[in-house]
Every structure is written in structure tokens, then in C-alpha cells.
N, C-alpha and C. Protein backbone atom coordinates (compact mmCIF):
# COMPACT_ATOMS: atom_id res chain seq x y z
N UNK A 1 105.99 71.29 143.79
CA UNK A 1 106.10 72.11 144.27
C UNK A 1 107.52 72.09 143.77
N UNK A 2 108.40 71.78 144.26
CA UNK A 2 109.91 71.26 143.35
C UNK A 2 109.54 70.92 142.19
N UNK A 3 109.24 70.78 141.30
CA UNK A 3 109.19 70.36 139.85
C UNK A 3 108.57 71.90 139.00
N UNK A 4 107.75 72.49 139.70
CA UNK A 4 107.29 73.77 139.11
C UNK A 4 108.34 75.09 139.47
N UNK A 5 109.05 75.08 140.53
CA UNK A 5 110.30 75.38 140.77
C UNK A 5 111.38 75.32 139.74
N UNK A 6 111.93 73.76 140.01
CA UNK A 6 112.59 73.80 138.33
C UNK A 6 112.51 74.54 137.07
N UNK A 7 111.08 74.16 136.65
CA UNK A 7 110.78 74.40 135.70
C UNK A 7 111.14 76.03 135.10
N UNK A 8 110.32 76.47 136.42
CA UNK A 8 110.34 77.98 136.11
C UNK A 8 111.70 78.74 136.38
N UNK A 9 112.25 78.06 137.09
CA UNK A 9 114.06 78.24 137.37
C UNK A 9 114.71 78.35 135.62
N UNK A 10 114.69 76.82 135.08
CA UNK A 10 114.80 76.71 133.48
C UNK A 10 114.34 77.83 133.01
N UNK A 11 113.15 78.07 132.61
CA UNK A 11 112.94 78.79 131.76
C UNK A 11 113.47 80.41 132.04
N UNK A 12 113.69 80.83 133.33
CA UNK A 12 114.49 82.15 133.07
C UNK A 12 115.63 81.67 133.08
N UNK A 13 116.66 80.95 133.33
CA UNK A 13 117.78 80.95 133.04
C UNK A 13 117.65 80.71 131.05
N UNK A 14 116.82 79.89 130.56
CA UNK A 14 117.09 80.04 128.80
C UNK A 14 116.27 81.08 128.47
N UNK A 15 116.10 81.84 129.04
CA UNK A 15 115.44 83.65 128.80
C UNK A 15 116.59 84.86 128.73
N UNK A 16 117.58 84.36 129.84
CA UNK A 16 118.47 85.23 130.15
C UNK A 16 119.93 84.99 129.22
N UNK A 17 119.88 83.98 128.91
CA UNK A 17 120.86 83.08 127.57
C UNK A 17 120.41 83.67 126.66
N UNK A 18 118.86 83.92 126.31
CA UNK A 18 118.60 84.24 124.78
C UNK A 18 118.71 85.55 124.69
N UNK A 19 118.85 85.97 125.62
CA UNK A 19 118.80 87.99 125.89
C UNK A 19 120.12 88.05 125.84
N UNK A 20 121.17 87.38 126.44
CA UNK A 20 122.53 87.80 126.35
C UNK A 20 122.88 87.83 125.12
N UNK A 21 122.38 86.42 124.36
CA UNK A 21 122.85 86.45 122.91
C UNK A 21 122.71 87.40 122.31
N UNK A 22 121.27 87.84 122.15
CA UNK A 22 120.53 88.99 121.69
C UNK A 22 121.49 90.39 122.04
N UNK A 23 122.15 90.52 123.18
CA UNK A 23 122.59 91.70 123.46
C UNK A 23 124.22 91.96 122.50
N UNK A 24 124.83 90.71 121.93
CA UNK A 24 126.12 90.59 121.67
C UNK A 24 126.08 90.88 120.29
N UNK A 25 124.70 90.54 119.52
CA UNK A 25 124.60 91.03 118.25
C UNK A 25 125.18 92.23 118.12
N UNK A 26 125.47 92.60 116.75
CA UNK A 26 125.55 93.84 116.26
C UNK A 26 124.60 94.07 115.77
N UNK A 27 123.46 95.19 115.37
CA UNK A 27 122.71 95.58 114.62
C UNK A 27 123.38 95.90 112.94
N UNK A 28 122.34 95.09 112.05
CA UNK A 28 122.68 95.74 110.94
C UNK A 28 123.14 96.83 110.35
N UNK A 29 123.40 97.29 109.54
CA UNK A 29 123.45 99.10 109.47
C UNK A 29 122.12 99.05 107.97
N UNK A 30 121.08 99.80 108.40
CA UNK A 30 120.39 100.16 107.55
C UNK A 30 121.01 101.46 106.38
N UNK A 31 120.80 100.61 104.73
CA UNK A 31 121.76 101.47 103.69
C UNK A 31 120.77 102.99 103.76
N UNK A 32 121.25 103.90 103.32
CA UNK A 32 121.12 105.44 103.37
C UNK A 32 120.19 104.97 102.07
N UNK A 33 119.59 105.94 101.75
CA UNK A 33 118.87 106.39 100.36
C UNK A 33 120.10 106.92 99.57
N UNK A 34 119.61 105.99 98.02
CA UNK A 34 120.55 106.11 97.66
C UNK A 34 119.93 106.91 95.99
N UNK A 35 120.03 108.41 95.76
CA UNK A 35 119.29 108.70 94.74
C UNK A 35 119.85 108.67 93.56
N UNK A 36 120.48 107.71 93.17
CA UNK A 36 121.36 107.64 91.47
C UNK A 36 120.82 106.60 90.82
N UNK A 37 119.53 106.35 91.44
CA UNK A 37 118.50 105.28 91.00
C UNK A 37 117.66 105.93 90.13
N UNK A 38 117.36 107.29 90.12
CA UNK A 38 116.12 108.05 90.04
C UNK A 38 116.89 108.86 88.80
N UNK A 39 115.57 108.86 88.17
CA UNK A 39 116.20 110.20 86.84
C UNK A 39 116.54 111.47 87.31
N UNK A 40 117.57 111.92 86.45
CA UNK A 40 118.36 113.48 86.92
C UNK A 40 117.88 114.41 86.95
N UNK A 41 116.40 114.77 86.48
CA UNK A 41 115.84 115.84 86.39
C UNK A 41 115.23 115.67 88.11
N UNK A 42 115.07 114.81 89.02
CA UNK A 42 114.36 114.92 90.06
C UNK A 42 115.48 114.53 91.71
N UNK A 43 116.96 114.44 90.77
CA UNK A 43 118.14 114.20 91.96
C UNK A 43 118.52 115.80 92.63
N UNK A 44 118.90 115.66 93.57
CA UNK A 44 119.07 117.04 94.30
C UNK A 44 120.31 117.08 94.00
N UNK A 45 120.47 118.50 94.25
CA UNK A 45 122.31 119.04 93.61
C UNK A 45 122.95 118.60 94.39
N UNK A 46 124.00 118.92 94.34
CA UNK A 46 125.09 118.05 94.96
C UNK A 46 125.46 119.17 96.20
N UNK A 47 125.86 118.71 97.17
CA UNK A 47 126.02 119.18 98.22
C UNK A 47 125.11 119.36 99.89
N UNK A 48 124.47 118.29 99.24
CA UNK A 48 123.04 117.88 100.39
C UNK A 48 123.58 116.90 100.72
N UNK A 49 122.58 116.58 102.21
CA UNK A 49 122.80 115.22 103.00
C UNK A 49 121.48 115.13 103.21
N UNK A 50 120.85 113.19 103.17
CA UNK A 50 119.44 112.78 103.65
C UNK A 50 119.56 113.44 105.11
N UNK A 51 118.53 113.92 105.90
CA UNK A 51 118.22 113.98 107.17
C UNK A 51 117.10 113.16 107.38
N UNK A 52 116.30 112.94 106.49
CA UNK A 52 115.13 112.15 107.28
C UNK A 52 114.48 111.43 106.14
N UNK A 53 114.29 110.42 105.87
CA UNK A 53 113.81 109.30 105.01
C UNK A 53 111.61 109.37 105.89
N UNK A 54 110.88 109.53 105.12
CA UNK A 54 109.25 109.24 105.38
C UNK A 54 108.85 108.21 104.22
N UNK A 55 107.98 107.50 105.29
CA UNK A 55 106.97 107.21 103.97
C UNK A 55 105.08 107.66 104.22
N UNK A 56 104.67 108.51 103.47
CA UNK A 56 103.17 109.15 103.66
C UNK A 56 102.43 108.24 103.12
N UNK A 57 101.55 108.13 103.53
CA UNK A 57 100.36 107.00 103.24
C UNK A 57 99.13 108.00 103.74
N UNK A 58 97.85 108.21 102.48
CA UNK A 58 96.65 108.85 102.75
C UNK A 58 95.77 109.24 101.33
N UNK A 59 95.47 110.33 101.08
CA UNK A 59 94.18 110.38 100.33
C UNK A 59 94.79 111.70 99.68
N UNK A 60 94.63 111.77 98.08
CA UNK A 60 94.63 113.18 97.78
C UNK A 60 93.30 113.07 96.89
N UNK A 61 92.82 114.41 97.10
CA UNK A 61 91.51 115.22 96.43
C UNK A 61 91.48 115.35 95.20
N UNK A 62 90.52 114.99 94.76
CA UNK A 62 90.53 115.71 93.09
C UNK A 62 89.11 116.08 93.22
N UNK A 63 88.81 117.16 92.36
CA UNK A 63 87.40 117.84 92.15
C UNK A 63 87.21 118.21 90.78
N UNK A 64 86.16 117.87 89.92
CA UNK A 64 85.77 117.78 88.74
C UNK A 64 85.40 119.54 88.34
N UNK A 65 86.40 119.70 87.81
CA UNK A 65 85.93 121.44 87.46
C UNK A 65 86.02 121.76 85.80
N UNK A 66 85.30 122.85 85.21
CA UNK A 66 85.61 122.81 83.88
C UNK A 66 87.41 123.45 83.64
N UNK A 67 87.58 122.75 82.54
CA UNK A 67 89.02 123.28 81.82
C UNK A 67 89.49 124.58 82.17
N UNK A 68 90.14 125.47 82.03
CA UNK A 68 90.48 126.20 82.09
C UNK A 68 90.08 127.38 80.80
N UNK A 69 91.14 126.50 79.54
CA UNK A 69 90.92 127.35 77.99
C UNK A 69 89.96 126.85 77.31
N UNK A 70 88.86 125.69 78.22
CA UNK A 70 88.12 125.29 77.64
C UNK A 70 86.24 125.42 78.92
N UNK A 71 86.16 125.91 78.95
CA UNK A 71 84.97 125.98 79.68
C UNK A 71 84.24 125.05 79.91
N UNK A 72 83.82 124.41 78.27
CA UNK A 72 82.71 123.45 78.51
C UNK A 72 83.34 122.01 78.42
N UNK A 73 84.38 121.65 78.32
CA UNK A 73 84.91 120.67 78.71
C UNK A 73 85.77 120.67 80.32
N UNK A 74 85.30 119.12 80.93
CA UNK A 74 85.73 119.18 82.23
C UNK A 74 86.72 118.30 82.48
N UNK A 75 87.27 118.05 83.73
CA UNK A 75 88.64 117.44 84.17
C UNK A 75 88.77 117.46 85.84
N UNK A 76 89.31 116.29 86.02
CA UNK A 76 89.59 116.53 87.24
C UNK A 76 91.07 116.77 87.80
N UNK A 77 90.98 117.87 88.27
CA UNK A 77 92.07 118.73 89.20
C UNK A 77 92.53 118.19 90.71
N UNK A 78 93.25 117.79 90.86
CA UNK A 78 94.18 117.79 91.77
C UNK A 78 94.11 119.31 92.83
N UNK A 79 93.54 118.42 94.18
CA UNK A 79 93.38 119.65 95.35
C UNK A 79 94.10 119.76 95.73
N UNK A 80 94.23 118.57 96.78
CA UNK A 80 95.39 118.51 97.86
C UNK A 80 95.73 117.35 98.30
N UNK A 81 97.02 117.02 99.02
CA UNK A 81 96.97 115.95 99.76
C UNK A 81 96.52 115.66 101.37
N UNK A 82 96.11 115.12 102.18
CA UNK A 82 96.12 114.55 103.21
C UNK A 82 96.48 112.98 103.88
N UNK A 83 97.86 113.24 104.66
CA UNK A 83 98.50 111.71 104.50
C UNK A 83 99.80 111.77 105.77
N UNK A 84 99.66 110.80 106.46
CA UNK A 84 100.64 111.17 107.21
C UNK A 84 101.79 110.38 107.20
N UNK A 85 102.83 110.84 107.79
CA UNK A 85 104.47 110.63 107.67
C UNK A 85 104.90 110.15 108.46
N UNK A 86 105.10 108.80 108.23
CA UNK A 86 105.78 107.74 109.00
C UNK A 86 106.98 107.58 108.33
N UNK A 87 107.91 107.06 109.58
CA UNK A 87 109.46 107.13 109.29
C UNK A 87 109.45 105.44 109.35
N UNK A 88 111.03 104.63 109.07
CA UNK A 88 110.88 103.49 108.24
C UNK A 88 110.42 102.18 109.21
N UNK A 89 110.01 102.86 110.64
CA UNK A 89 109.57 101.94 111.33
C UNK A 89 108.12 101.89 111.47
N UNK A 90 107.41 102.67 110.96
CA UNK A 90 105.95 102.49 111.01
C UNK A 90 105.75 103.58 112.16
N UNK A 91 106.20 104.69 112.51
CA UNK A 91 106.03 105.58 113.58
C UNK A 91 105.23 106.62 113.14
N UNK A 92 104.30 107.15 112.96
CA UNK A 92 103.60 108.45 112.68
C UNK A 92 104.70 110.21 113.20
N UNK A 93 105.13 110.61 111.88
CA UNK A 93 106.07 111.57 112.63
C UNK A 93 105.79 113.05 112.40
N UNK A 94 104.85 112.98 111.51
CA UNK A 94 104.14 114.04 111.11
C UNK A 94 102.79 113.95 109.71
N UNK A 95 102.95 115.03 109.27
CA UNK A 95 102.01 115.00 108.10
C UNK A 95 101.71 115.57 106.96
N UNK A 96 101.04 115.29 105.92
CA UNK A 96 101.68 116.02 105.02
C UNK A 96 100.14 116.66 104.19
N UNK A 97 99.91 117.78 104.06
CA UNK A 97 98.81 118.22 103.66
C UNK A 97 98.53 119.28 103.08
N UNK A 98 97.15 120.00 102.43
CA UNK A 98 97.55 121.31 101.49
C UNK A 98 95.64 121.41 101.34
N UNK A 99 95.75 122.66 100.36
CA UNK A 99 96.95 123.26 100.03
C UNK A 99 97.32 124.75 100.67
N UNK A 100 98.11 124.94 100.74
CA UNK A 100 99.49 124.70 100.22
C UNK A 100 99.99 123.48 100.59
N UNK A 101 100.67 122.64 99.85
CA UNK A 101 101.01 121.27 100.25
C UNK A 101 102.38 122.06 101.50
N UNK A 102 101.98 121.02 102.60
CA UNK A 102 102.64 120.95 103.36
C UNK A 102 103.11 120.07 104.54
N UNK A 103 104.26 120.33 104.42
CA UNK A 103 104.66 118.51 105.43
C UNK A 103 105.03 119.57 106.95
N UNK A 104 104.55 118.95 108.04
CA UNK A 104 104.42 119.21 109.33
C UNK A 104 104.89 117.98 109.89
N UNK A 105 105.80 118.46 110.90
CA UNK A 105 106.52 117.77 111.89
C UNK A 105 105.49 117.13 112.86
N UNK A 106 105.74 115.48 113.93
CA UNK A 106 105.26 116.28 115.00
C UNK A 106 105.63 117.53 116.23
N UNK A 107 106.64 117.62 116.08
CA UNK A 107 107.28 118.75 116.86
C UNK A 107 106.94 120.05 116.55
N UNK A 108 105.57 120.21 115.48
CA UNK A 108 105.47 121.68 115.28
C UNK A 108 106.05 122.54 114.02
N UNK A 109 107.15 122.13 113.88
CA UNK A 109 107.64 122.63 112.35
C UNK A 109 107.28 122.34 111.66
N UNK A 110 107.13 122.88 110.44
CA UNK A 110 106.49 122.69 109.03
C UNK A 110 107.09 123.55 107.82
N UNK A 111 107.21 123.19 106.57
CA UNK A 111 107.52 124.07 105.37
C UNK A 111 106.66 123.68 104.55
N UNK A 112 106.58 124.47 103.41
CA UNK A 112 106.18 124.16 102.06
C UNK A 112 107.25 124.46 101.07
N UNK A 113 106.69 124.37 99.87
CA UNK A 113 107.84 124.36 98.71
C UNK A 113 107.02 124.41 97.22
N UNK A 114 108.45 124.40 96.35
CA UNK A 114 108.26 125.20 95.22
C UNK A 114 108.64 123.90 94.31
N UNK A 115 107.50 123.43 93.55
CA UNK A 115 107.99 122.09 92.74
C UNK A 115 109.09 122.87 91.47
N UNK A 116 110.08 121.56 91.29
CA UNK A 116 111.05 121.74 90.85
C UNK A 116 110.78 121.13 89.22
N UNK A 117 110.51 119.96 89.60
CA UNK A 117 110.37 118.84 87.98
C UNK A 117 109.98 117.71 88.99
N UNK A 118 109.14 117.20 88.08
CA UNK A 118 108.65 115.64 88.09
C UNK A 118 109.02 114.95 86.95
N UNK A 119 108.98 113.23 87.13
CA UNK A 119 109.09 112.68 86.17
C UNK A 119 108.80 111.47 86.68
N UNK A 120 108.29 110.35 85.27
CA UNK A 120 107.15 109.23 85.20
C UNK A 120 107.66 108.51 86.39
N UNK A 121 106.54 107.87 87.26
CA UNK A 121 107.06 106.46 88.33
C UNK A 121 107.28 106.01 87.55
N UNK A 122 108.28 104.75 88.03
CA UNK A 122 108.47 103.38 87.76
C UNK A 122 107.85 102.27 87.63
N UNK A 123 107.01 102.69 88.35
CA UNK A 123 105.23 101.68 88.54
C UNK A 123 104.50 101.22 87.37
N UNK A 124 104.71 102.60 86.80
CA UNK A 124 104.05 102.85 85.95
C UNK A 124 102.72 103.56 85.92
N UNK A 125 101.31 103.10 84.48
CA UNK A 125 100.37 103.73 85.27
C UNK A 125 98.97 103.73 86.36
N UNK A 126 98.65 104.96 87.08
CA UNK A 126 98.15 104.58 88.27
C UNK A 126 98.88 104.85 89.29
N UNK A 127 100.39 105.72 89.40
CA UNK A 127 101.29 106.33 90.46
C UNK A 127 101.53 107.26 89.75
N UNK A 128 101.31 108.56 91.01
CA UNK A 128 101.78 109.87 90.54
C UNK A 128 103.20 109.88 90.50
N UNK A 129 103.49 111.03 89.92
CA UNK A 129 105.26 111.22 88.90
C UNK A 129 105.66 111.50 90.58
N UNK A 130 107.22 110.59 90.24
CA UNK A 130 108.24 111.03 91.32
C UNK A 130 108.08 112.77 91.52
N UNK A 131 108.67 113.20 92.16
CA UNK A 131 108.81 114.93 92.00
C UNK A 131 110.29 115.55 92.83
N UNK A 132 110.72 116.64 92.72
CA UNK A 132 111.71 117.30 93.50
C UNK A 132 111.21 118.60 93.70
N UNK A 133 111.25 119.16 95.09
CA UNK A 133 110.68 120.68 95.33
C UNK A 133 111.86 121.54 96.46
N UNK A 134 111.99 122.71 96.12
CA UNK A 134 112.97 123.17 96.98
C UNK A 134 111.89 124.12 97.94
N UNK A 135 112.49 123.36 99.36
CA UNK A 135 111.49 124.43 100.29
C UNK A 135 112.07 125.31 100.82
N UNK A 136 111.26 126.01 101.19
CA UNK A 136 110.79 127.49 101.62
C UNK A 136 111.28 127.61 103.12
N UNK A 137 111.68 128.38 103.74
CA UNK A 137 112.23 128.75 104.88
C UNK A 137 111.28 127.97 106.08
N UNK A 138 111.68 126.97 106.81
CA UNK A 138 110.93 126.76 108.13
C UNK A 138 110.08 127.50 108.70
N UNK A 139 108.71 127.05 109.36
CA UNK A 139 108.28 127.71 110.25
C UNK A 139 107.80 126.83 111.08
N UNK A 140 108.71 127.17 112.51
CA UNK A 140 108.82 126.52 113.79
C UNK A 140 110.05 125.72 113.96
N UNK A 141 110.88 125.64 115.46
CA UNK A 141 111.52 124.78 115.56
C UNK A 141 111.29 123.53 115.88
N UNK A 142 112.26 122.72 114.83
CA UNK A 142 112.19 121.70 114.81
C UNK A 142 113.11 121.20 113.65
N UNK A 143 112.32 119.67 113.11
CA UNK A 143 113.14 118.68 112.19
C UNK A 143 113.03 119.23 111.11
N UNK A 144 112.01 120.31 110.94
CA UNK A 144 111.82 121.11 109.23
C UNK A 144 112.98 121.81 109.02
N UNK A 145 113.50 122.64 110.27
CA UNK A 145 114.24 123.46 109.99
C UNK A 145 115.64 123.00 109.28
N UNK A 146 116.00 124.08 108.38
CA UNK A 146 117.45 123.54 107.31
C UNK A 146 117.13 122.79 106.21
N UNK A 147 115.58 122.30 106.04
CA UNK A 147 115.34 121.30 105.15
C UNK A 147 115.62 122.37 103.85
N UNK A 148 116.31 121.35 102.50
CA UNK A 148 116.39 122.85 101.43
C UNK A 148 115.53 122.01 99.97
N UNK A 149 115.55 120.31 100.13
CA UNK A 149 114.81 119.95 99.32
C UNK A 149 113.89 118.98 99.94
N UNK A 150 112.83 118.43 99.27
CA UNK A 150 112.41 117.15 99.25
C UNK A 150 112.13 116.38 97.70
N UNK A 151 111.99 114.69 97.87
CA UNK A 151 112.24 114.27 96.90
C UNK A 151 110.98 113.67 97.20
N UNK A 152 109.54 113.23 96.18
CA UNK A 152 108.36 112.33 96.36
C UNK A 152 109.38 110.83 95.20
N UNK A 153 109.32 109.92 95.85
CA UNK A 153 109.65 108.53 95.06
C UNK A 153 108.89 107.37 95.89
N UNK A 154 109.13 106.07 94.87
CA UNK A 154 108.38 105.09 95.28
C UNK A 154 106.78 105.34 95.08
N UNK A 155 106.16 105.86 94.06
CA UNK A 155 105.04 106.40 94.70
C UNK A 155 104.06 104.96 94.00
N UNK A 156 103.05 105.41 94.69
CA UNK A 156 101.72 104.13 94.21
C UNK A 156 100.10 104.79 94.31
N UNK A 157 99.66 104.78 93.17
CA UNK A 157 98.37 104.83 93.80
C UNK A 157 98.33 106.38 93.28
N UNK A 158 97.11 107.29 93.36
CA UNK A 158 96.99 109.13 93.56
C UNK A 158 96.51 109.45 92.46
N UNK A 159 96.49 108.93 91.12
CA UNK A 159 96.42 109.37 90.16
C UNK A 159 94.51 109.85 89.80
N UNK A 160 94.18 111.13 89.32
CA UNK A 160 92.96 111.13 88.79
C UNK A 160 92.38 109.97 88.93
N UNK A 161 90.74 110.22 89.22
CA UNK A 161 90.02 109.12 89.26
C UNK A 161 89.89 108.52 87.77
N UNK A 162 89.48 107.39 87.43
CA UNK A 162 88.67 107.22 85.92
C UNK A 162 87.01 107.23 86.13
N UNK A 163 86.82 108.27 87.38
CA UNK A 163 85.26 108.15 87.23
C UNK A 163 85.11 109.44 86.14
N UNK A 164 83.48 109.32 85.60
CA UNK A 164 83.17 110.55 84.51
C UNK A 164 83.38 111.77 85.48
N UNK A 165 84.09 113.11 84.24
CA UNK A 165 83.89 114.20 85.21
C UNK A 165 83.08 115.07 83.98
N UNK A 166 82.26 115.63 83.78
CA UNK A 166 81.24 116.20 82.91
C UNK A 166 80.79 117.39 83.78
N UNK A 167 80.03 118.26 83.22
CA UNK A 167 79.33 119.23 83.44
C UNK A 167 77.75 118.82 84.83
N UNK A 168 77.62 117.67 84.67
CA UNK A 168 76.47 117.01 85.35
C UNK A 168 77.68 117.00 86.74
N UNK A 169 78.88 116.54 87.15
CA UNK A 169 79.78 116.32 87.70
C UNK A 169 80.17 117.44 88.46
N UNK A 170 80.18 118.40 88.00
CA UNK A 170 81.16 119.62 88.07
C UNK A 170 80.70 120.15 89.58
N UNK A 171 82.02 120.26 90.84
CA UNK A 171 81.91 120.47 91.85
C UNK A 171 82.18 119.17 92.64
N UNK A 172 82.00 118.06 92.02
CA UNK A 172 82.20 117.08 92.94
C UNK A 172 83.01 116.59 93.06
N UNK A 173 83.70 116.21 94.75
CA UNK A 173 85.16 115.38 94.91
C UNK A 173 85.42 113.84 95.24
N UNK A 174 86.74 113.68 94.50
CA UNK A 174 87.06 111.78 94.70
C UNK A 174 88.23 112.10 95.69
N UNK A 175 88.08 111.36 96.67
CA UNK A 175 89.63 110.89 97.27
C UNK A 175 90.22 109.06 96.22
N UNK A 176 91.43 109.71 96.68
CA UNK A 176 92.15 108.66 95.95
C UNK A 176 93.31 108.12 97.32
N UNK A 177 93.44 106.92 97.30
CA UNK A 177 94.35 106.80 98.26
C UNK A 177 95.66 106.32 97.28
N UNK A 178 97.12 106.93 98.15
CA UNK A 178 98.35 106.79 97.61
C UNK A 178 99.44 106.52 98.80
N UNK A 179 100.38 106.46 98.31
CA UNK A 179 101.33 105.94 98.69
C UNK A 179 102.89 106.80 98.40
N UNK A 180 103.86 107.01 99.11
CA UNK A 180 104.95 107.91 98.31
C UNK A 180 105.87 107.81 99.31
N UNK A 181 107.44 107.71 99.26
CA UNK A 181 108.57 108.42 100.00
C UNK A 181 108.57 109.83 100.28
N UNK A 182 108.67 111.13 100.91
CA UNK A 182 109.47 112.04 101.22
C UNK A 182 111.08 111.83 101.57
N UNK A 183 111.73 112.44 101.21
CA UNK A 183 112.95 112.01 101.28
C UNK A 183 113.47 113.85 101.71
N UNK A 184 113.60 113.95 103.21
CA UNK A 184 114.30 115.35 103.44
C UNK A 184 115.69 115.53 103.13
N UNK A 185 115.62 116.31 102.26
CA UNK A 185 117.70 116.95 102.61
C UNK A 185 117.90 117.99 103.22
N UNK A 186 118.85 118.04 103.54
CA UNK A 186 119.96 119.49 104.19
C UNK A 186 120.48 119.56 103.68
N UNK A 187 121.24 120.78 103.40
CA UNK A 187 122.95 121.13 103.43
C UNK A 187 123.99 120.52 103.75
N UNK A 188 124.84 119.84 103.10
CA UNK A 188 125.96 119.35 103.76
C UNK A 188 127.30 119.96 104.64
N UNK A 189 126.80 121.14 104.62
CA UNK A 189 127.83 122.24 105.38
C UNK A 189 127.58 122.77 106.23
């Protein structure tokens, strides 16, 4: 009994020492998002600050449809996204879905936006383009209130399917996996 008690006491003392050591460490500062690495066309205007950084992961739906100006030709057309928005630690903080493209926080606030610009993804073929959108007024109170711009960066996947799209396939839908960072900006003033 005495040996077991001594071992338990030593284990508790060791754990307490480890916790004390961890408690005295200063956390490493996480660098903020730096848009200077992006093409100028998708950079937000001056006078903005990052309000939230998220990672969106999910699906983009495409539908095989006749081309607008060539009804005898067909193409995969973007229908809309369906993705979870997660913070940098992986916690789900909202959703991105559409149409119309809507970013919704878990607190119920949400926004839609108007596309201003796109630029090719640095990852090359197979990734949807980088994007800058101007936010419309938020609906509901919460995290999306005051958001002015949203950038889609660090894209992976999401381009239209390579599968055949002909008159035979008209109306068929395909889901394509994708991931992207969504950076939410608010006025710095």
C-alpha cells in the first residue's frame, strides 16, 4: 500500500510541475492574414481590417445545361455551394450555401454579396479561382454585422466536373469537393 501511495504522490507532483511549467509559457502570436501575397485585383481596399478567418469545406453543385447562346451545346454550370465554415482551430462557426451565395454564422446572422473580381488560383488547374466580393447588409445581429468584404483564397478543388455533359446528360447534377479560406473584413474605422 505504501509503495502505491508513493507512486501516486510522485505522479501527482510530476503532473503539477508540468502544468505549472505550461502555465508559465507565453503563447505564440498567430500572424494575421496578409493579403499582400494575393493578386491586386482580389485585395480589399485600404481602410479595412480582418474580422474573421474561416476555412470552408464542402461541395459545389454543378448541373449539365444547354449553353446560353448555343442551345445545341452543353456545359457544366455552377449551381451553388454547400460548405461548413470552420475557424482556424477546426470548430464549425457557420455555413456557406446558395443560391444565392450566403455566409451564415452559427449566431444566425448572415450575408450575401456581389462579386467584384476573380483571379486564377495559385494551386493551378483543378482549383476554383480566388475571389473578392462586396458584402450586402447583414441580416440578423451577430458576427456578420458590419462585414464589408469577403475574400476567397487558398482554394483547393471545386472546378466543374470532367465528366461528359451532352444533351443526354442535360439536367444531371454533380457534386465536387472543395476547400477554401474565407477572410471576412470590416471597416477599420
